[in-house]
Amino acid sequence: MKFRAAILAAFLLLGGTPAFSQGCAMCYSTAKATSKDGQRAISKGVVVLLVPPLGFMTLGVWMALRYGRKRDLE
């Protein structure tokens, strides 16, 4: 079981590698052409856009786990 989980984790990590780079050539060239302050602003903007979905997902998983444990105890 642990071996399958390790293979799944490796597959997901390797499959997500292209997501860490700029896929769109136009986006990449526009971001690269901005000043250092502009690049920093883009990086901060990405983080700001990432926080709400990550927060909702964390809250949802936490509530699901809490509900599951509560249901198992009953």
PDB file of N, CA and C in Angstrom:
ATOM      1  N   MET A   1       0.818  -1.192   0.000  1.00  0.00           N
ATOM      2  CA  MET A   1       0.000   0.000   0.000  1.00  0.00           C
ATOM      3  C   MET A   1       0.865   1.261   0.000  1.00  0.00           C
ATOM      4  N   LYS A   2       1.946   1.238   0.793  1.00  0.00           N
ATOM      5  CA  LYS A   2       2.836   2.390   0.834  1.00  0.00           C
ATOM      6  C   LYS A   2       3.545   2.575  -0.500  1.00  0.00           C
ATOM      7  N   PHE A   3       3.837   1.457  -1.169  1.00  0.00           N
ATOM      8  CA  PHE A   3       4.508   1.537  -2.459  1.00  0.00           C
ATOM      9  C   PHE A   3       3.604   2.211  -3.493  1.00  0.00           C
ATOM     10  N   ARG A   4       2.317   1.851  -3.473  1.00  0.00           N
ATOM     11  CA  ARG A   4       1.363   2.472  -4.399  1.00  0.00           C
ATOM     12  C   ARG A   4       1.226   3.967  -4.117  1.00  0.00           C
ATOM     13  N   ALA A   5       1.191   4.328  -2.843  1.00  0.00           N
ATOM     14  CA  ALA A   5       1.095   5.737  -2.484  1.00  0.00           C
ATOM     15  C   ALA A   5       2.345   6.494  -2.937  1.00  0.00           C
ATOM     16  N   ALA A   6       3.500   5.861  -2.820  1.00  0.00           N
ATOM     17  CA  ALA A   6       4.745   6.504  -3.259  1.00  0.00           C
ATOM     18  C   ALA A   6       4.755   6.693  -4.773  1.00  0.00           C
ATOM     19  N   ILE A   7       4.266   5.687  -5.498  1.00  0.00           N
ATOM     20  CA  ILE A   7       4.210   5.808  -6.960  1.00  0.00           C
ATOM     21  C   ILE A   7       3.230   6.908  -7.359  1.00  0.00           C
ATOM     22  N   LEU A   8       2.088   6.958  -6.692  1.00  0.00           N
ATOM     23  CA  LEU A   8       1.104   7.999  -6.986  1.00  0.00           C
ATOM     24  C   LEU A   8       1.675   9.387  -6.693  1.00  0.00           C
ATOM     25  N   ALA A   9       2.346   9.530  -5.556  1.00  0.00           N
ATOM     26  CA  ALA A   9       2.941  10.820  -5.207  1.00  0.00           C
ATOM     27  C   ALA A   9       4.007  11.232  -6.219  1.00  0.00           C
ATOM     28  N   ALA A  10       4.838  10.287  -6.634  1.00  0.00           N
ATOM     29  CA  ALA A  10       5.877  10.592  -7.623  1.00  0.00           C
ATOM     30  C   ALA A  10       5.254  10.988  -8.954  1.00  0.00           C
ATOM     31  N   PHE A  11       4.206  10.282  -9.355  1.00  0.00           N
ATOM     32  CA  PHE A  11       3.528  10.603 -10.611  1.00  0.00           C
ATOM     33  C   PHE A  11       2.924  12.009 -10.562  1.00  0.00           C
ATOM     34  N   LEU A  12       2.284  12.348  -9.445  1.00  0.00           N
ATOM     35  CA  LEU A  12       1.683  13.673  -9.320  1.00  0.00           C
ATOM     36  C   LEU A  12       2.736  14.769  -9.304  1.00  0.00           C
ATOM     37  N   LEU A  13       3.847  14.525  -8.619  1.00  0.00           N
ATOM     38  CA  LEU A  13       4.903  15.536  -8.584  1.00  0.00           C
ATOM     39  C   LEU A  13       5.554  15.725  -9.947  1.00  0.00           C
ATOM     40  N   LEU A  14       5.811  14.625 -10.639  1.00  0.00           N
ATOM     41  CA  LEU A  14       6.436  14.735 -11.961  1.00  0.00           C
ATOM     42  C   LEU A  14       5.448  15.253 -13.003  1.00  0.00           C
ATOM     43  N   GLY A  15       4.188  14.926 -12.846  1.00  0.00           N
ATOM     44  CA  GLY A  15       3.171  15.419 -13.783  1.00  0.00           C
ATOM     45  C   GLY A  15       2.913  16.905 -13.617  1.00  0.00           C
ATOM     46  N   GLY A  16       3.181  17.419 -12.427  1.00  0.00           N
ATOM     47  CA  GLY A  16       2.946  18.832 -12.168  1.00  0.00           C
ATOM     48  C   GLY A  16       4.118  19.725 -12.507  1.00  0.00           C
ATOM     49  N   THR A  17       5.208  19.161 -12.962  1.00  0.00           N
ATOM     50  CA  THR A  17       6.408  19.939 -13.276  1.00  0.00           C
ATOM     51  C   THR A  17       6.145  21.054 -14.297  1.00  0.00           C
ATOM     52  N   PRO A  18       5.391  20.793 -15.386  1.00  0.00           N
ATOM     53  CA  PRO A  18       5.145  21.885 -16.330  1.00  0.00           C
ATOM     54  C   PRO A  18       4.353  23.046 -15.728  1.00  0.00           C
ATOM     55  N   ALA A  19       3.626  22.790 -14.653  1.00  0.00           N
ATOM     56  CA  ALA A  19       2.842  23.852 -14.037  1.00  0.00           C
ATOM     57  C   ALA A  19       3.727  24.886 -13.355  1.00  0.00           C
ATOM     58  N   PHE A  20       4.962  24.529 -13.044  1.00  0.00           N
ATOM     59  CA  PHE A  20       5.855  25.462 -12.389  1.00  0.00           C
ATOM     60  C   PHE A  20       6.516  26.431 -13.373  1.00  0.00           C
ATOM     61  N   SER A  21       6.368  26.197 -14.636  1.00  0.00           N
ATOM     62  CA  SER A  21       6.965  27.092 -15.629  1.00  0.00           C
ATOM     63  C   SER A  21       5.864  27.862 -16.347  1.00  0.00           C
ATOM     64  N   GLN A  22       6.268  28.873 -17.076  1.00  0.00           N
ATOM     65  CA  GLN A  22       5.317  29.640 -17.865  1.00  0.00           C
ATOM     66  C   GLN A  22       4.979  28.851 -19.111  1.00  0.00           C
ATOM     67  N   GLY A  23       3.734  28.457 -19.264  1.00  0.00           N
ATOM     68  CA  GLY A  23       3.329  27.677 -20.420  1.00  0.00           C
ATOM     69  C   GLY A  23       3.088  28.551 -21.638  1.00  0.00           C
ATOM     70  N   CYS A  24       2.677  29.772 -21.421  1.00  0.00           N
ATOM     71  CA  CYS A  24       2.324  30.674 -22.515  1.00  0.00           C
ATOM     72  C   CYS A  24       3.528  31.560 -22.842  1.00  0.00           C
ATOM     73  N   ALA A  25       3.950  31.519 -24.085  1.00  0.00           N
ATOM     74  CA  ALA A  25       5.120  32.307 -24.485  1.00  0.00           C
ATOM     75  C   ALA A  25       4.849  33.804 -24.360  1.00  0.00           C
ATOM     76  N   MET A  26       3.624  34.226 -24.649  1.00  0.00           N
ATOM     77  CA  MET A  26       3.282  35.644 -24.544  1.00  0.00           C
ATOM     78  C   MET A  26       3.318  36.097 -23.079  1.00  0.00           C
ATOM     79  N   CYS A  27       2.785  35.262 -22.184  1.00  0.00           N
ATOM     80  CA  CYS A  27       2.815  35.597 -20.752  1.00  0.00           C
ATOM     81  C   CYS A  27       4.248  35.675 -20.257  1.00  0.00           C
ATOM     82  N   TYR A  28       5.053  34.720 -20.673  1.00  0.00           N
ATOM     83  CA  TYR A  28       6.446  34.674 -20.241  1.00  0.00           C
ATOM     84  C   TYR A  28       7.196  35.919 -20.711  1.00  0.00           C
ATOM     85  N   SER A  29       7.054  36.270 -21.970  1.00  0.00           N
ATOM     86  CA  SER A  29       7.800  37.425 -22.490  1.00  0.00           C
ATOM     87  C   SER A  29       7.307  38.729 -21.874  1.00  0.00           C
ATOM     88  N   THR A  30       6.008  38.841 -21.623  1.00  0.00           N
ATOM     89  CA  THR A  30       5.483  40.049 -20.992  1.00  0.00           C
ATOM     90  C   THR A  30       5.987  40.177 -19.563  1.00  0.00           C
ATOM     91  N   ALA A  31       5.968  39.079 -18.820  1.00  0.00           N
ATOM     92  CA  ALA A  31       6.437  39.112 -17.441  1.00  0.00           C
ATOM     93  C   ALA A  31       7.936  39.380 -17.375  1.00  0.00           C
ATOM     94  N   LYS A  32       8.685  38.823 -18.316  1.00  0.00           N
ATOM     95  CA  LYS A  32      10.134  39.016 -18.335  1.00  0.00           C
ATOM     96  C   LYS A  32      10.498  40.450 -18.728  1.00  0.00           C
ATOM     97  N   ALA A  33       9.639  41.108 -19.516  1.00  0.00           N
ATOM     98  CA  ALA A  33       9.938  42.457 -19.989  1.00  0.00           C
ATOM     99  C   ALA A  33       9.668  43.526 -18.933  1.00  0.00           C
ATOM    100  N   THR A  34       8.954  43.177 -17.887  1.00  0.00           N
ATOM    101  CA  THR A  34       8.665  44.171 -16.857  1.00  0.00           C
ATOM    102  C   THR A  34       9.901  44.410 -15.989  1.00  0.00           C
ATOM    103  N   SER A  35       9.826  45.488 -15.237  1.00  0.00           N
ATOM    104  CA  SER A  35      10.947  45.806 -14.331  1.00  0.00           C
ATOM    105  C   SER A  35      10.946  44.834 -13.158  1.00  0.00           C
ATOM    106  N   LYS A  36      11.958  44.942 -12.331  1.00  0.00           N
ATOM    107  CA  LYS A  36      12.056  44.069 -11.147  1.00  0.00           C
ATOM    108  C   LYS A  36      10.867  44.303 -10.211  1.00  0.00           C
ATOM    109  N   ASP A  37      10.446  45.559 -10.084  1.00  0.00           N
ATOM    110  CA  ASP A  37       9.276  45.849  -9.244  1.00  0.00           C
ATOM    111  C   ASP A  37       8.020  45.227  -9.832  1.00  0.00           C
ATOM    112  N   GLY A  38       7.903  45.256 -11.139  1.00  0.00           N
ATOM    113  CA  GLY A  38       6.752  44.632 -11.793  1.00  0.00           C
ATOM    114  C   GLY A  38       6.743  43.122 -11.620  1.00  0.00           C
ATOM    115  N   GLN A  39       7.919  42.511 -11.723  1.00  0.00           N
ATOM    116  CA  GLN A  39       8.011  41.064 -11.522  1.00  0.00           C
ATOM    117  C   GLN A  39       7.665  40.692 -10.086  1.00  0.00           C
ATOM    118  N   ARG A  40       8.089  41.523  -9.144  1.00  0.00           N
ATOM    119  CA  ARG A  40       7.762  41.282  -7.739  1.00  0.00           C
ATOM    120  C   ARG A  40       6.257  41.423  -7.521  1.00  0.00           C
ATOM    121  N   ALA A  41       5.643  42.394  -8.177  1.00  0.00           N
ATOM    122  CA  ALA A  41       4.196  42.586  -8.059  1.00  0.00           C
ATOM    123  C   ALA A  41       3.440  41.395  -8.651  1.00  0.00           C
ATOM    124  N   ILE A  42       3.911  40.857  -9.755  1.00  0.00           N
ATOM    125  CA  ILE A  42       3.281  39.672 -10.357  1.00  0.00           C
ATOM    126  C   ILE A  42       3.389  38.483  -9.410  1.00  0.00           C
ATOM    127  N   SER A  43       4.543  38.311  -8.800  1.00  0.00           N
ATOM    128  CA  SER A  43       4.734  37.210  -7.852  1.00  0.00           C
ATOM    129  C   SER A  43       3.807  37.352  -6.653  1.00  0.00           C
ATOM    130  N   LYS A  44       3.681  38.568  -6.128  1.00  0.00           N
ATOM    131  CA  LYS A  44       2.774  38.794  -5.005  1.00  0.00           C
ATOM    132  C   LYS A  44       1.321  38.579  -5.427  1.00  0.00           C
ATOM    133  N   GLY A  45       0.993  38.966  -6.640  1.00  0.00           N
ATOM    134  CA  GLY A  45      -0.364  38.761  -7.141  1.00  0.00           C
ATOM    135  C   GLY A  45      -0.726  37.285  -7.249  1.00  0.00           C
ATOM    136  N   VAL A  46       0.231  36.480  -7.661  1.00  0.00           N
ATOM    137  CA  VAL A  46      -0.006  35.037  -7.751  1.00  0.00           C
ATOM    138  C   VAL A  46      -0.270  34.471  -6.363  1.00  0.00           C
ATOM    139  N   VAL A  47       0.496  34.909  -5.389  1.00  0.00           N
ATOM    140  CA  VAL A  47       0.299  34.426  -4.012  1.00  0.00           C
ATOM    141  C   VAL A  47      -1.065  34.868  -3.492  1.00  0.00           C
ATOM    142  N   VAL A  48      -1.432  36.116  -3.750  1.00  0.00           N
ATOM    143  CA  VAL A  48      -2.732  36.624  -3.296  1.00  0.00           C
ATOM    144  C   VAL A  48      -3.873  35.836  -3.938  1.00  0.00           C
ATOM    145  N   LEU A  49      -3.740  35.476  -5.205  1.00  0.00           N
ATOM    146  CA  LEU A  49      -4.779  34.689  -5.869  1.00  0.00           C
ATOM    147  C   LEU A  49      -4.795  33.241  -5.412  1.00  0.00           C
ATOM    148  N   LEU A  50      -3.702  32.766  -4.857  1.00  0.00           N
ATOM    149  CA  LEU A  50      -3.622  31.382  -4.404  1.00  0.00           C
ATOM    150  C   LEU A  50      -4.202  31.188  -3.006  1.00  0.00           C
ATOM    151  N   VAL A  51      -4.145  32.196  -2.160  1.00  0.00           N
ATOM    152  CA  VAL A  51      -4.538  32.058  -0.760  1.00  0.00           C
ATOM    153  C   VAL A  51      -6.015  31.687  -0.574  1.00  0.00           C
ATOM    154  N   PRO A  52      -6.993  32.362  -1.187  1.00  0.00           N
ATOM    155  CA  PRO A  52      -8.392  31.994  -0.923  1.00  0.00           C
ATOM    156  C   PRO A  52      -8.755  30.548  -1.313  1.00  0.00           C
ATOM    157  N   PRO A  53      -8.403  30.061  -2.503  1.00  0.00           N
ATOM    158  CA  PRO A  53      -8.738  28.667  -2.793  1.00  0.00           C
ATOM    159  C   PRO A  53      -8.046  27.682  -1.861  1.00  0.00           C
ATOM    160  N   LEU A  54      -6.812  27.964  -1.511  1.00  0.00           N
ATOM    161  CA  LEU A  54      -6.088  27.090  -0.600  1.00  0.00           C
ATOM    162  C   LEU A  54      -6.741  27.090   0.778  1.00  0.00           C
ATOM    163  N   GLY A  55      -7.199  28.253   1.219  1.00  0.00           N
ATOM    164  CA  GLY A  55      -7.892  28.348   2.500  1.00  0.00           C
ATOM    165  C   GLY A  55      -9.203  27.580   2.496  1.00  0.00           C
ATOM    166  N   PHE A  56      -9.976  27.720   1.418  1.00  0.00           N
ATOM    167  CA  PHE A  56     -11.242  26.995   1.325  1.00  0.00           C
ATOM    168  C   PHE A  56     -11.021  25.489   1.275  1.00  0.00           C
ATOM    169  N   MET A  57     -10.017  25.053   0.551  1.00  0.00           N
ATOM    170  CA  MET A  57      -9.739  23.617   0.470  1.00  0.00           C
ATOM    171  C   MET A  57      -9.281  23.083   1.824  1.00  0.00           C
ATOM    172  N   THR A  58      -8.438  23.827   2.519  1.00  0.00           N
ATOM    173  CA  THR A  58      -7.983  23.397   3.837  1.00  0.00           C
ATOM    174  C   THR A  58      -9.154  23.306   4.803  1.00  0.00           C
ATOM    175  N   LEU A  59     -10.025  24.307   4.776  1.00  0.00           N
ATOM    176  CA  LEU A  59     -11.200  24.300   5.631  1.00  0.00           C
ATOM    177  C   LEU A  59     -12.117  23.130   5.293  1.00  0.00           C
ATOM    178  N   GLY A  60     -12.320  22.872   4.010  1.00  0.00           N
ATOM    179  CA  GLY A  60     -13.180  21.765   3.590  1.00  0.00           C
ATOM    180  C   GLY A  60     -12.636  20.411   4.014  1.00  0.00           C
ATOM    181  N   VAL A  61     -11.343  20.191   3.840  1.00  0.00           N
ATOM    182  CA  VAL A  61     -10.738  18.917   4.242  1.00  0.00           C
ATOM    183  C   VAL A  61     -10.806  18.768   5.752  1.00  0.00           C
ATOM    184  N   TRP A  62     -10.537  19.827   6.489  1.00  0.00           N
ATOM    185  CA  TRP A  62     -10.603  19.784   7.942  1.00  0.00           C
ATOM    186  C   TRP A  62     -12.021  19.440   8.415  1.00  0.00           C
ATOM    187  N   MET A  63     -13.024  20.070   7.806  1.00  0.00           N
ATOM    188  CA  MET A  63     -14.407  19.785   8.203  1.00  0.00           C
ATOM    189  C   MET A  63     -14.794  18.353   7.847  1.00  0.00           C
ATOM    190  N   ALA A  64     -14.353  17.865   6.708  1.00  0.00           N
ATOM    191  CA  ALA A  64     -14.668  16.494   6.308  1.00  0.00           C
ATOM    192  C   ALA A  64     -14.020  15.490   7.256  1.00  0.00           C
ATOM    193  N   LEU A  65     -12.773  15.723   7.623  1.00  0.00           N
ATOM    194  CA  LEU A  65     -12.102  14.829   8.564  1.00  0.00           C
ATOM    195  C   LEU A  65     -12.771  14.864   9.931  1.00  0.00           C
ATOM    196  N   ARG A  66     -13.136  16.043  10.372  1.00  0.00           N
ATOM    197  CA  ARG A  66     -13.815  16.175  11.662  1.00  0.00           C
ATOM    198  C   ARG A  66     -15.158  15.457  11.652  1.00  0.00           C
ATOM    199  N   TYR A  67     -15.903  15.621  10.568  1.00  0.00           N
ATOM    200  CA  TYR A  67     -17.192  14.946  10.440  1.00  0.00           C
ATOM    201  C   TYR A  67     -17.007  13.425  10.410  1.00  0.00           C
ATOM    202  N   GLY A  68     -16.006  12.948   9.690  1.00  0.00           N
ATOM    203  CA  GLY A  68     -15.749  11.516   9.605  1.00  0.00           C
ATOM    204  C   GLY A  68     -15.383  10.919  10.950  1.00  0.00           C
ATOM    205  N   ARG A  69     -14.550  11.616  11.699  1.00  0.00           N
ATOM    206  CA  ARG A  69     -14.161  11.111  13.037  1.00  0.00           C
ATOM    207  C   ARG A  69     -15.365  11.101  13.969  1.00  0.00           C
ATOM    208  N   LYS A  70     -16.172  12.143  13.892  1.00  0.00           N
ATOM    209  CA  LYS A  70     -17.359  12.237  14.740  1.00  0.00           C
ATOM    210  C   LYS A  70     -18.339  11.106  14.402  1.00  0.00           C
ATOM    211  N   ARG A  71     -18.507  10.841  13.113  1.00  0.00           N
ATOM    212  CA  ARG A  71     -19.403   9.779  12.679  1.00  0.00           C
ATOM    213  C   ARG A  71     -18.869   8.405  13.080  1.00  0.00           C
ATOM    214  N   ASP A  72     -17.557   8.215  13.040  1.00  0.00           N
ATOM    215  CA  ASP A  72     -16.978   6.933  13.440  1.00  0.00           C
ATOM    216  C   ASP A  72     -17.157   6.668  14.929  1.00  0.00           C
ATOM    217  N   LEU A  73     -17.146   7.717  15.737  1.00  0.00           N
ATOM    218  CA  LEU A  73     -17.305   7.545  17.175  1.00  0.00           C
ATOM    219  C   LEU A  73     -18.743   7.178  17.559  1.00  0.00           C
ATOM    220  N   GLU A  74     -19.691   7.574  16.734  1.00  0.00           N
ATOM    221  CA  GLU A  74     -21.096   7.282  17.050  1.00  0.00           C
ATOM    222  C   GLU A  74     -21.485   5.880  16.741  1.00  0.00           C
TER     223      GLU A  74
END
